Amino acid sequence: MPCYNEEDVIGYTIPRLLAAFDRAGYRLELIAVDNGSWDRTGEIIKGLAAKNPSVVYHRVERNEGYGNGVLSALPVCSAPWVGMIPAYGQVDAEDVARLFDAMVACGGNALA
């Protein structure tokens, strides 16, 4: 989850995503990328990571776009499946959990 100057929303969106996966019965490893932010985004991510081991803080010093934030996080991932989601809440957390459930149902042989 690339986060660029998202201090106003990630305190809401990250816990919602974690809760949606928890309700669905899945453990989520969330790599929250402080994508070169100059606001309190990094502090907030670190605080969430300290409270929940499912959140992994990762920082990109200079923002080179959303895609670079995604690519920089891939080597940090340890889960067998990887997805990406914007940090600002445009995609509903419950929809993401349902999509993951569909991936599990089809054996993961799909691009969703």
PDB file of N, CA and C in Angstrom:
ATOM      1  N   MET A   1       0.845  -1.173   0.000  1.00  0.00           N
ATOM      2  CA  MET A   1       0.000   0.000   0.000  1.00  0.00           C
ATOM      3  C   MET A   1       0.893   1.240   0.000  1.00  0.00           C
ATOM      4  N   PRO A   2       1.139   1.826  -1.166  1.00  0.00           N
ATOM      5  CA  PRO A   2       1.895   3.067  -1.212  1.00  0.00           C
ATOM      6  C   PRO A   2       1.097   4.206  -0.560  1.00  0.00           C
ATOM      7  N   CYS A   3       1.746   4.930   0.314  1.00  0.00           N
ATOM      8  CA  CYS A   3       1.100   6.024   1.047  1.00  0.00           C
ATOM      9  C   CYS A   3       1.925   7.295   0.845  1.00  0.00           C
ATOM     10  N   TYR A   4       1.365   8.258   0.157  1.00  0.00           N
ATOM     11  CA  TYR A   4       2.070   9.521  -0.059  1.00  0.00           C
ATOM     12  C   TYR A   4       1.250  10.652   0.541  1.00  0.00           C
ATOM     13  N   ASN A   5       1.757  11.212   1.623  1.00  0.00           N
ATOM     14  CA  ASN A   5       1.085  12.311   2.328  1.00  0.00           C
ATOM     15  C   ASN A   5      -0.377  11.962   2.640  1.00  0.00           C
ATOM     16  N   GLU A   6      -0.551  10.842   3.276  1.00  0.00           N
ATOM     17  CA  GLU A   6      -1.884  10.312   3.580  1.00  0.00           C
ATOM     18  C   GLU A   6      -2.220  10.402   5.066  1.00  0.00           C
ATOM     19  N   GLU A   7      -1.612  11.348   5.792  1.00  0.00           N
ATOM     20  CA  GLU A   7      -1.824  11.418   7.236  1.00  0.00           C
ATOM     21  C   GLU A   7      -3.291  11.570   7.622  1.00  0.00           C
ATOM     22  N   ASP A   8      -4.101  12.133   6.760  1.00  0.00           N
ATOM     23  CA  ASP A   8      -5.508  12.359   7.094  1.00  0.00           C
ATOM     24  C   ASP A   8      -6.366  11.096   6.998  1.00  0.00           C
ATOM     25  N   VAL A   9      -5.893  10.063   6.270  1.00  0.00           N
ATOM     26  CA  VAL A   9      -6.765   8.907   6.035  1.00  0.00           C
ATOM     27  C   VAL A   9      -6.219   7.552   6.480  1.00  0.00           C
ATOM     28  N   ILE A  10      -4.911   7.378   6.561  1.00  0.00           N
ATOM     29  CA  ILE A  10      -4.408   6.022   6.817  1.00  0.00           C
ATOM     30  C   ILE A  10      -4.714   5.506   8.216  1.00  0.00           C
ATOM     31  N   GLY A  11      -4.967   6.391   9.135  1.00  0.00           N
ATOM     32  CA  GLY A  11      -5.402   5.946  10.463  1.00  0.00           C
ATOM     33  C   GLY A  11      -6.776   5.303  10.412  1.00  0.00           C
ATOM     34  N   TYR A  12      -7.489   5.520   9.323  1.00  0.00           N
ATOM     35  CA  TYR A  12      -8.796   4.909   9.087  1.00  0.00           C
ATOM     36  C   TYR A  12      -8.679   3.740   8.106  1.00  0.00           C
ATOM     37  N   THR A  13      -7.996   3.940   6.971  1.00  0.00           N
ATOM     38  CA  THR A  13      -8.000   2.926   5.916  1.00  0.00           C
ATOM     39  C   THR A  13      -7.214   1.671   6.289  1.00  0.00           C
ATOM     40  N   ILE A  14      -6.075   1.815   6.937  1.00  0.00           N
ATOM     41  CA  ILE A  14      -5.288   0.634   7.301  1.00  0.00           C
ATOM     42  C   ILE A  14      -6.041  -0.241   8.303  1.00  0.00           C
ATOM     43  N   PRO A  15      -6.552   0.295   9.409  1.00  0.00           N
ATOM     44  CA  PRO A  15      -7.317  -0.567  10.333  1.00  0.00           C
ATOM     45  C   PRO A  15      -8.548  -1.201   9.675  1.00  0.00           C
ATOM     46  N   ARG A  16      -9.217  -0.478   8.764  1.00  0.00           N
ATOM     47  CA  ARG A  16     -10.383  -1.054   8.065  1.00  0.00           C
ATOM     48  C   ARG A  16      -9.989  -2.247   7.213  1.00  0.00           C
ATOM     49  N   LEU A  17      -8.870  -2.147   6.519  1.00  0.00           N
ATOM     50  CA  LEU A  17      -8.415  -3.256   5.685  1.00  0.00           C
ATOM     51  C   LEU A  17      -8.050  -4.461   6.548  1.00  0.00           C
ATOM     52  N   LEU A  18      -7.334  -4.218   7.630  1.00  0.00           N
ATOM     53  CA  LEU A  18      -6.978  -5.307   8.536  1.00  0.00           C
ATOM     54  C   LEU A  18      -8.226  -5.982   9.106  1.00  0.00           C
ATOM     55  N   ALA A  19      -9.200  -5.183   9.503  1.00  0.00           N
ATOM     56  CA  ALA A  19     -10.431  -5.720  10.086  1.00  0.00           C
ATOM     57  C   ALA A  19     -11.229  -6.526   9.059  1.00  0.00           C
ATOM     58  N   ALA A  20     -11.277  -6.063   7.818  1.00  0.00           N
ATOM     59  CA  ALA A  20     -12.015  -6.781   6.776  1.00  0.00           C
ATOM     60  C   ALA A  20     -11.422  -8.167   6.545  1.00  0.00           C
ATOM     61  N   PHE A  21     -10.106  -8.252   6.506  1.00  0.00           N
ATOM     62  CA  PHE A  21      -9.455  -9.555   6.317  1.00  0.00           C
ATOM     63  C   PHE A  21      -9.633 -10.426   7.553  1.00  0.00           C
ATOM     64  N   ASP A  22      -9.575  -9.833   8.722  1.00  0.00           N
ATOM     65  CA  ASP A  22      -9.783 -10.581   9.957  1.00  0.00           C
ATOM     66  C   ASP A  22     -11.194 -11.181   9.983  1.00  0.00           C
ATOM     67  N   ARG A  23     -12.196 -10.374   9.654  1.00  0.00           N
ATOM     68  CA  ARG A  23     -13.580 -10.872   9.625  1.00  0.00           C
ATOM     69  C   ARG A  23     -13.756 -12.003   8.617  1.00  0.00           C
ATOM     70  N   ALA A  24     -13.008 -11.927   7.511  1.00  0.00           N
ATOM     71  CA  ALA A  24     -13.094 -12.962   6.477  1.00  0.00           C
ATOM     72  C   ALA A  24     -12.294 -14.212   6.853  1.00  0.00           C
ATOM     73  N   GLY A  25     -11.528 -14.125   7.943  1.00  0.00           N
ATOM     74  CA  GLY A  25     -10.753 -15.277   8.411  1.00  0.00           C
ATOM     75  C   GLY A  25      -9.384 -15.414   7.792  1.00  0.00           C
ATOM     76  N   TYR A  26      -8.841 -14.320   7.271  1.00  0.00           N
ATOM     77  CA  TYR A  26      -7.521 -14.344   6.643  1.00  0.00           C
ATOM     78  C   TYR A  26      -6.554 -13.442   7.396  1.00  0.00           C
ATOM     79  N   ARG A  27      -5.304 -13.894   7.479  1.00  0.00           N
ATOM     80  CA  ARG A  27      -4.246 -13.054   8.037  1.00  0.00           C
ATOM     81  C   ARG A  27      -3.671 -12.230   6.888  1.00  0.00           C
ATOM     82  N   LEU A  28      -3.594 -10.955   7.090  1.00  0.00           N
ATOM     83  CA  LEU A  28      -3.074 -10.044   6.076  1.00  0.00           C
ATOM     84  C   LEU A  28      -1.697  -9.554   6.497  1.00  0.00           C
ATOM     85  N   GLU A  29      -0.747  -9.595   5.582  1.00  0.00           N
ATOM     86  CA  GLU A  29       0.533  -8.922   5.770  1.00  0.00           C
ATOM     87  C   GLU A  29       0.453  -7.652   4.935  1.00  0.00           C
ATOM     88  N   LEU A  30       0.414  -6.525   5.596  1.00  0.00           N
ATOM     89  CA  LEU A  30       0.257  -5.241   4.901  1.00  0.00           C
ATOM     90  C   LEU A  30       1.567  -4.470   4.920  1.00  0.00           C
ATOM     91  N   ILE A  31       2.187  -4.357   3.767  1.00  0.00           N
ATOM     92  CA  ILE A  31       3.392  -3.544   3.633  1.00  0.00           C
ATOM     93  C   ILE A  31       2.910  -2.129   3.331  1.00  0.00           C
ATOM     94  N   ALA A  32       2.981  -1.261   4.313  1.00  0.00           N
ATOM     95  CA  ALA A  32       2.563   0.128   4.158  1.00  0.00           C
ATOM     96  C   ALA A  32       3.802   0.944   3.818  1.00  0.00           C
ATOM     97  N   VAL A  33       3.842   1.457   2.603  1.00  0.00           N
ATOM     98  CA  VAL A  33       5.016   2.169   2.090  1.00  0.00           C
ATOM     99  C   VAL A  33       4.838   3.665   2.313  1.00  0.00           C
ATOM    100  N   ASP A  34       5.698   4.229   3.141  1.00  0.00           N
ATOM    101  CA  ASP A  34       5.785   5.689   3.249  1.00  0.00           C
ATOM    102  C   ASP A  34       6.528   6.124   1.992  1.00  0.00           C
ATOM    103  N   ASN A  35       5.772   6.534   0.999  1.00  0.00           N
ATOM    104  CA  ASN A  35       6.301   6.762  -0.348  1.00  0.00           C
ATOM    105  C   ASN A  35       6.864   8.177  -0.510  1.00  0.00           C
ATOM    106  N   GLY A  36       7.852   8.511   0.321  1.00  0.00           N
ATOM    107  CA  GLY A  36       8.497   9.816   0.244  1.00  0.00           C
ATOM    108  C   GLY A  36       7.670  10.942   0.838  1.00  0.00           C
ATOM    109  N   SER A  37       6.789  10.618   1.755  1.00  0.00           N
ATOM    110  CA  SER A  37       5.905  11.633   2.350  1.00  0.00           C
ATOM    111  C   SER A  37       6.692  12.662   3.142  1.00  0.00           C
ATOM    112  N   TRP A  38       6.150  13.871   3.194  1.00  0.00           N
ATOM    113  CA  TRP A  38       6.754  14.928   4.009  1.00  0.00           C
ATOM    114  C   TRP A  38       5.855  15.315   5.171  1.00  0.00           C
ATOM    115  N   ASP A  39       4.713  14.627   5.309  1.00  0.00           N
ATOM    116  CA  ASP A  39       3.824  14.898   6.437  1.00  0.00           C
ATOM    117  C   ASP A  39       4.013  13.808   7.507  1.00  0.00           C
ATOM    118  N   ARG A  40       3.021  13.538   8.312  1.00  0.00           N
ATOM    119  CA  ARG A  40       3.136  12.568   9.409  1.00  0.00           C
ATOM    120  C   ARG A  40       2.804  11.128   8.995  1.00  0.00           C
ATOM    121  N   THR A  41       2.718  10.862   7.709  1.00  0.00           N
ATOM    122  CA  THR A  41       2.363   9.530   7.218  1.00  0.00           C
ATOM    123  C   THR A  41       3.255   8.451   7.820  1.00  0.00           C
ATOM    124  N   GLY A  42       4.554   8.642   7.767  1.00  0.00           N
ATOM    125  CA  GLY A  42       5.485   7.641   8.296  1.00  0.00           C
ATOM    126  C   GLY A  42       5.282   7.384   9.777  1.00  0.00           C
ATOM    127  N   GLU A  43       5.101   8.443  10.549  1.00  0.00           N
ATOM    128  CA  GLU A  43       4.855   8.295  11.996  1.00  0.00           C
ATOM    129  C   GLU A  43       3.608   7.471  12.256  1.00  0.00           C
ATOM    130  N   ILE A  44       2.563   7.750  11.501  1.00  0.00           N
ATOM    131  CA  ILE A  44       1.296   7.037  11.699  1.00  0.00           C
ATOM    132  C   ILE A  44       1.458   5.565  11.348  1.00  0.00           C
ATOM    133  N   ILE A  45       2.119   5.279  10.242  1.00  0.00           N
ATOM    134  CA  ILE A  45       2.354   3.877   9.861  1.00  0.00           C
ATOM    135  C   ILE A  45       3.170   3.168  10.937  1.00  0.00           C
ATOM    136  N   LYS A  46       4.224   3.813  11.422  1.00  0.00           N
ATOM    137  CA  LYS A  46       5.043   3.202  12.473  1.00  0.00           C
ATOM    138  C   LYS A  46       4.218   2.914  13.716  1.00  0.00           C
ATOM    139  N   GLY A  47       3.330   3.821  14.079  1.00  0.00           N
ATOM    140  CA  GLY A  47       2.461   3.610  15.234  1.00  0.00           C
ATOM    141  C   GLY A  47       1.523   2.433  15.029  1.00  0.00           C
ATOM    142  N   LEU A  48       0.949   2.316  13.830  1.00  0.00           N
ATOM    143  CA  LEU A  48       0.070   1.193  13.524  1.00  0.00           C
ATOM    144  C   LEU A  48       0.852  -0.118  13.523  1.00  0.00           C
ATOM    145  N   ALA A  49       2.069  -0.088  12.998  1.00  0.00           N
ATOM    146  CA  ALA A  49       2.912  -1.291  12.972  1.00  0.00           C
ATOM    147  C   ALA A  49       3.297  -1.725  14.382  1.00  0.00           C
ATOM    148  N   ALA A  50       3.509  -0.766  15.277  1.00  0.00           N
ATOM    149  CA  ALA A  50       3.859  -1.100  16.661  1.00  0.00           C
ATOM    150  C   ALA A  50       2.702  -1.799  17.378  1.00  0.00           C
ATOM    151  N   LYS A  51       1.472  -1.476  16.965  1.00  0.00           N
ATOM    152  CA  LYS A  51       0.288  -2.063  17.593  1.00  0.00           C
ATOM    153  C   LYS A  51      -0.161  -3.359  16.927  1.00  0.00           C
ATOM    154  N   ASN A  52       0.246  -3.566  15.677  1.00  0.00           N
ATOM    155  CA  ASN A  52      -0.249  -4.721  14.937  1.00  0.00           C
ATOM    156  C   ASN A  52       0.877  -5.307  14.083  1.00  0.00           C
ATOM    157  N   PRO A  53       1.306  -6.523  14.382  1.00  0.00           N
ATOM    158  CA  PRO A  53       2.407  -7.124  13.621  1.00  0.00           C
ATOM    159  C   PRO A  53       2.065  -7.414  12.162  1.00  0.00           C
ATOM    160  N   SER A  54       0.794  -7.295  11.774  1.00  0.00           N
ATOM    161  CA  SER A  54       0.412  -7.495  10.378  1.00  0.00           C
ATOM    162  C   SER A  54       0.811  -6.304   9.506  1.00  0.00           C
ATOM    163  N   VAL A  55       1.095  -5.158  10.141  1.00  0.00           N
ATOM    164  CA  VAL A  55       1.500  -3.961   9.407  1.00  0.00           C
ATOM    165  C   VAL A  55       3.022  -3.874   9.399  1.00  0.00           C
ATOM    166  N   VAL A  56       3.589  -3.772   8.209  1.00  0.00           N
ATOM    167  CA  VAL A  56       5.037  -3.664   8.048  1.00  0.00           C
ATOM    168  C   VAL A  56       5.335  -2.287   7.448  1.00  0.00           C
ATOM    169  N   TYR A  57       6.141  -1.502   8.155  1.00  0.00           N
ATOM    170  CA  TYR A  57       6.535  -0.176   7.680  1.00  0.00           C
ATOM    171  C   TYR A  57       7.687  -0.312   6.696  1.00  0.00           C
ATOM    172  N   HIS A  58       7.577   0.408   5.579  1.00  0.00           N
ATOM    173  CA  HIS A  58       8.652   0.463   4.582  1.00  0.00           C
ATOM    174  C   HIS A  58       8.696   1.894   4.045  1.00  0.00           C
ATOM    175  N   ARG A  59       9.868   2.432   3.849  1.00  0.00           N
ATOM    176  CA  ARG A  59       9.989   3.825   3.393  1.00  0.00           C
ATOM    177  C   ARG A  59      10.772   3.912   2.096  1.00  0.00           C
ATOM    178  N   VAL A  60      10.260   4.738   1.201  1.00  0.00           N
ATOM    179  CA  VAL A  60      10.952   5.164  -0.006  1.00  0.00           C
ATOM    180  C   VAL A  60      11.290   6.630   0.234  1.00  0.00           C
ATOM    181  N   GLU A  61      12.555   6.971   0.186  1.00  0.00           N
ATOM    182  CA  GLU A  61      12.972   8.332   0.527  1.00  0.00           C
ATOM    183  C   GLU A  61      12.428   9.384  -0.437  1.00  0.00           C
ATOM    184  N   ARG A  62      12.447   9.086  -1.720  1.00  0.00           N
ATOM    185  CA  ARG A  62      12.010  10.067  -2.714  1.00  0.00           C
ATOM    186  C   ARG A  62      10.861   9.481  -3.513  1.00  0.00           C
ATOM    187  N   ASN A  63       9.745  10.153  -3.519  1.00  0.00           N
ATOM    188  CA  ASN A  63       8.584   9.672  -4.250  1.00  0.00           C
ATOM    189  C   ASN A  63       8.866   9.706  -5.748  1.00  0.00           C
ATOM    190  N   GLU A  64       8.781   8.537  -6.340  1.00  0.00           N
ATOM    191  CA  GLU A  64       8.938   8.422  -7.795  1.00  0.00           C
ATOM    192  C   GLU A  64       7.684   7.808  -8.402  1.00  0.00           C
ATOM    193  N   GLY A  65       6.553   8.038  -7.744  1.00  0.00           N
ATOM    194  CA  GLY A  65       5.276   7.576  -8.261  1.00  0.00           C
ATOM    195  C   GLY A  65       4.743   6.349  -7.542  1.00  0.00           C
ATOM    196  N   TYR A  66       3.448   6.116  -7.760  1.00  0.00           N
ATOM    197  CA  TYR A  66       2.738   5.008  -7.137  1.00  0.00           C
ATOM    198  C   TYR A  66       3.385   3.663  -7.489  1.00  0.00           C
ATOM    199  N   GLY A  67       3.686   3.477  -8.777  1.00  0.00           N
ATOM    200  CA  GLY A  67       4.270   2.211  -9.229  1.00  0.00           C
ATOM    201  C   GLY A  67       5.594   1.910  -8.563  1.00  0.00           C
ATOM    202  N   ASN A  68       6.419   2.925  -8.369  1.00  0.00           N
ATOM    203  CA  ASN A  68       7.692   2.708  -7.691  1.00  0.00           C
ATOM    204  C   ASN A  68       7.464   2.321  -6.232  1.00  0.00           C
ATOM    205  N   GLY A  69       6.436   2.884  -5.609  1.00  0.00           N
ATOM    206  CA  GLY A  69       6.098   2.482  -4.244  1.00  0.00           C
ATOM    207  C   GLY A  69       5.730   1.013  -4.177  1.00  0.00           C
ATOM    208  N   VAL A  70       4.942   0.560  -5.152  1.00  0.00           N
ATOM    209  CA  VAL A  70       4.564  -0.861  -5.226  1.00  0.00           C
ATOM    210  C   VAL A  70       5.805  -1.723  -5.440  1.00  0.00           C
ATOM    211  N   LEU A  71       6.606  -1.378  -6.440  1.00  0.00           N
ATOM    212  CA  LEU A  71       7.791  -2.182  -6.766  1.00  0.00           C
ATOM    213  C   LEU A  71       8.788  -2.236  -5.616  1.00  0.00           C
ATOM    214  N   SER A  72       8.935  -1.141  -4.879  1.00  0.00           N
ATOM    215  CA  SER A  72       9.887  -1.141  -3.763  1.00  0.00           C
ATOM    216  C   SER A  72       9.434  -2.052  -2.635  1.00  0.00           C
ATOM    217  N   ALA A  73       8.123  -2.297  -2.544  1.00  0.00           N
ATOM    218  CA  ALA A  73       7.592  -3.142  -1.467  1.00  0.00           C
ATOM    219  C   ALA A  73       7.646  -4.626  -1.786  1.00  0.00           C
ATOM    220  N   LEU A  74       7.699  -4.992  -3.053  1.00  0.00           N
ATOM    221  CA  LEU A  74       7.662  -6.410  -3.416  1.00  0.00           C
ATOM    222  C   LEU A  74       8.745  -7.248  -2.730  1.00  0.00           C
ATOM    223  N   PRO A  75      10.002  -6.797  -2.668  1.00  0.00           N
ATOM    224  CA  PRO A  75      11.015  -7.605  -1.991  1.00  0.00           C
ATOM    225  C   PRO A  75      10.776  -7.754  -0.481  1.00  0.00           C
ATOM    226  N   VAL A  76       9.957  -6.892   0.085  1.00  0.00           N
ATOM    227  CA  VAL A  76       9.668  -6.935   1.523  1.00  0.00           C
ATOM    228  C   VAL A  76       8.576  -7.954   1.823  1.00  0.00           C
ATOM    229  N   CYS A  77       7.767  -8.278   0.833  1.00  0.00           N
ATOM    230  CA  CYS A  77       6.637  -9.190   1.026  1.00  0.00           C
ATOM    231  C   CYS A  77       7.105 -10.613   1.313  1.00  0.00           C
ATOM    232  N   SER A  78       6.415 -11.268   2.242  1.00  0.00           N
ATOM    233  CA  SER A  78       6.728 -12.668   2.523  1.00  0.00           C
ATOM    234  C   SER A  78       5.541 -13.587   2.269  1.00  0.00           C
ATOM    235  N   ALA A  79       4.371 -13.028   2.003  1.00  0.00           N
ATOM    236  CA  ALA A  79       3.183 -13.839   1.758  1.00  0.00           C
ATOM    237  C   ALA A  79       3.234 -14.443   0.350  1.00  0.00           C
ATOM    238  N   PRO A  80       2.529 -15.552   0.136  1.00  0.00           N
ATOM    239  CA  PRO A  80       2.569 -16.196  -1.180  1.00  0.00           C
ATOM    240  C   PRO A  80       1.831 -15.422  -2.273  1.00  0.00           C
ATOM    241  N   TRP A  81       0.853 -14.600  -1.910  1.00  0.00           N
ATOM    242  CA  TRP A  81       0.118 -13.798  -2.879  1.00  0.00           C
ATOM    243  C   TRP A  81       0.310 -12.329  -2.542  1.00  0.00           C
ATOM    244  N   VAL A  82       0.384 -11.508  -3.579  1.00  0.00           N
ATOM    245  CA  VAL A  82       0.613 -10.081  -3.392  1.00  0.00           C
ATOM    246  C   VAL A  82      -0.485  -9.308  -4.114  1.00  0.00           C
ATOM    247  N   GLY A  83      -0.986  -8.285  -3.453  1.00  0.00           N
ATOM    248  CA  GLY A  83      -1.957  -7.390  -4.054  1.00  0.00           C
ATOM    249  C   GLY A  83      -1.553  -5.965  -3.758  1.00  0.00           C
ATOM    250  N   MET A  84      -2.237  -5.039  -4.378  1.00  0.00           N
ATOM    251  CA  MET A  84      -1.956  -3.633  -4.092  1.00  0.00           C
ATOM    252  C   MET A  84      -3.274  -2.891  -3.986  1.00  0.00           C
ATOM    253  N   ILE A  85      -3.247  -1.841  -3.181  1.00  0.00           N
ATOM    254  CA  ILE A  85      -4.445  -1.049  -2.948  1.00  0.00           C
ATOM    255  C   ILE A  85      -4.006   0.379  -2.632  1.00  0.00           C
ATOM    256  N   PRO A  86      -4.745   1.376  -3.112  1.00  0.00           N
ATOM    257  CA  PRO A  86      -4.408   2.751  -2.745  1.00  0.00           C
ATOM    258  C   PRO A  86      -4.706   2.998  -1.271  1.00  0.00           C
ATOM    259  N   ALA A  87      -3.986   3.908  -0.691  1.00  0.00           N
ATOM    260  CA  ALA A  87      -4.099   4.171   0.747  1.00  0.00           C
ATOM    261  C   ALA A  87      -5.254   5.079   1.121  1.00  0.00           C
ATOM    262  N   TYR A  88      -5.800   5.797   0.170  1.00  0.00           N
ATOM    263  CA  TYR A  88      -6.732   6.866   0.508  1.00  0.00           C
ATOM    264  C   TYR A  88      -8.191   6.438   0.564  1.00  0.00           C
ATOM    265  N   GLY A  89      -8.471   5.133   0.520  1.00  0.00           N
ATOM    266  CA  GLY A  89      -9.821   4.645   0.750  1.00  0.00           C
ATOM    267  C   GLY A  89     -10.717   4.602  -0.466  1.00  0.00           C
ATOM    268  N   GLN A  90     -10.187   4.781  -1.653  1.00  0.00           N
ATOM    269  CA  GLN A  90     -11.000   4.741  -2.863  1.00  0.00           C
ATOM    270  C   GLN A  90     -11.595   3.345  -3.081  1.00  0.00           C
ATOM    271  N   VAL A  91     -10.852   2.318  -2.688  1.00  0.00           N
ATOM    272  CA  VAL A  91     -11.316   0.938  -2.819  1.00  0.00           C
ATOM    273  C   VAL A  91     -11.758   0.463  -1.438  1.00  0.00           C
ATOM    274  N   ASP A  92     -12.992  -0.022  -1.343  1.00  0.00           N
ATOM    275  CA  ASP A  92     -13.540  -0.456  -0.061  1.00  0.00           C
ATOM    276  C   ASP A  92     -12.834  -1.712   0.439  1.00  0.00           C
ATOM    277  N   ALA A  93     -12.477  -1.713   1.706  1.00  0.00           N
ATOM    278  CA  ALA A  93     -11.764  -2.831   2.324  1.00  0.00           C
ATOM    279  C   ALA A  93     -12.546  -4.138   2.219  1.00  0.00           C
ATOM    280  N   GLU A  94     -13.855  -4.075   2.392  1.00  0.00           N
ATOM    281  CA  GLU A  94     -14.683  -5.284   2.300  1.00  0.00           C
ATOM    282  C   GLU A  94     -14.635  -5.871   0.891  1.00  0.00           C
ATOM    283  N   ASP A  95     -14.589  -5.025  -0.124  1.00  0.00           N
ATOM    284  CA  ASP A  95     -14.481  -5.512  -1.498  1.00  0.00           C
ATOM    285  C   ASP A  95     -13.152  -6.229  -1.716  1.00  0.00           C
ATOM    286  N   VAL A  96     -12.099  -5.723  -1.129  1.00  0.00           N
ATOM    287  CA  VAL A  96     -10.779  -6.352  -1.271  1.00  0.00           C
ATOM    288  C   VAL A  96     -10.779  -7.726  -0.617  1.00  0.00           C
ATOM    289  N   ALA A  97     -11.369  -7.837   0.559  1.00  0.00           N
ATOM    290  CA  ALA A  97     -11.442  -9.133   1.235  1.00  0.00           C
ATOM    291  C   ALA A  97     -12.282 -10.121   0.423  1.00  0.00           C
ATOM    292  N   ARG A  98     -13.381  -9.654  -0.182  1.00  0.00           N
ATOM    293  CA  ARG A  98     -14.205 -10.533  -1.027  1.00  0.00           C
ATOM    294  C   ARG A  98     -13.438 -10.973  -2.274  1.00  0.00           C
ATOM    295  N   LEU A  99     -12.675 -10.083  -2.847  1.00  0.00           N
ATOM    296  CA  LEU A  99     -11.864 -10.428  -4.013  1.00  0.00           C
ATOM    297  C   LEU A  99     -10.831 -11.486  -3.635  1.00  0.00           C
ATOM    298  N   PHE A 100     -10.206 -11.320  -2.484  1.00  0.00           N
ATOM    299  CA  PHE A 100      -9.231 -12.312  -2.029  1.00  0.00           C
ATOM    300  C   PHE A 100      -9.926 -13.655  -1.802  1.00  0.00           C
ATOM    301  N   ASP A 101     -11.111 -13.638  -1.235  1.00  0.00           N
ATOM    302  CA  ASP A 101     -11.868 -14.869  -1.021  1.00  0.00           C
ATOM    303  C   ASP A 101     -12.147 -15.567  -2.359  1.00  0.00           C
ATOM    304  N   ALA A 102     -12.461 -14.811  -3.380  1.00  0.00           N
ATOM    305  CA  ALA A 102     -12.681 -15.396  -4.720  1.00  0.00           C
ATOM    306  C   ALA A 102     -11.389 -15.995  -5.253  1.00  0.00           C
ATOM    307  N   MET A 103     -10.257 -15.351  -5.014  1.00  0.00           N
ATOM    308  CA  MET A 103      -8.955 -15.904  -5.442  1.00  0.00           C
ATOM    309  C   MET A 103      -8.683 -17.231  -4.760  1.00  0.00           C
ATOM    310  N   VAL A 104      -8.978 -17.311  -3.480  1.00  0.00           N
ATOM    311  CA  VAL A 104      -8.783 -18.555  -2.740  1.00  0.00           C
ATOM    312  C   VAL A 104      -9.693 -19.644  -3.313  1.00  0.00           C
ATOM    313  N   ALA A 105     -10.930 -19.299  -3.598  1.00  0.00           N
ATOM    314  CA  ALA A 105     -11.904 -20.261  -4.117  1.00  0.00           C
ATOM    315  C   ALA A 105     -11.486 -20.851  -5.463  1.00  0.00           C
ATOM    316  N   CYS A 106     -10.789 -20.062  -6.278  1.00  0.00           N
ATOM    317  CA  CYS A 106     -10.381 -20.582  -7.590  1.00  0.00           C
ATOM    318  C   CYS A 106      -8.951 -21.126  -7.565  1.00  0.00           C
ATOM    319  N   GLY A 107      -8.392 -21.262  -6.412  1.00  0.00           N
ATOM    320  CA  GLY A 107      -7.050 -21.836  -6.297  1.00  0.00           C
ATOM    321  C   GLY A 107      -5.931 -20.848  -6.592  1.00  0.00           C
ATOM    322  N   GLY A 108      -6.261 -19.585  -6.740  1.00  0.00           N
ATOM    323  CA  GLY A 108      -5.231 -18.571  -6.943  1.00  0.00           C
ATOM    324  C   GLY A 108      -4.709 -18.492  -8.364  1.00  0.00           C
ATOM    325  N   ASN A 109      -5.323 -19.255  -9.281  1.00  0.00           N
ATOM    326  CA  ASN A 109      -4.860 -19.226 -10.664  1.00  0.00           C
ATOM    327  C   ASN A 109      -5.612 -18.168 -11.456  1.00  0.00           C
ATOM    328  N   ALA A 110      -5.532 -16.951 -10.997  1.00  0.00           N
ATOM    329  CA  ALA A 110      -6.257 -15.871 -11.642  1.00  0.00           C
ATOM    330  C   ALA A 110      -5.547 -14.559 -11.366  1.00  0.00           C
ATOM    331  N   LEU A 111      -5.814 -13.598 -12.212  1.00  0.00           N
ATOM    332  CA  LEU A 111      -5.368 -12.242 -12.000  1.00  0.00           C
ATOM    333  C   LEU A 111      -6.630 -11.434 -11.741  1.00  0.00           C
ATOM    334  N   ALA A 112      -6.702 -10.792 -10.591  1.00  0.00           N
ATOM    335  CA  ALA A 112      -7.935 -10.099 -10.225  1.00  0.00           C
ATOM    336  C   ALA A 112      -7.648  -8.652  -9.943  1.00  0.00           C
TER     337      ALA A 112
END
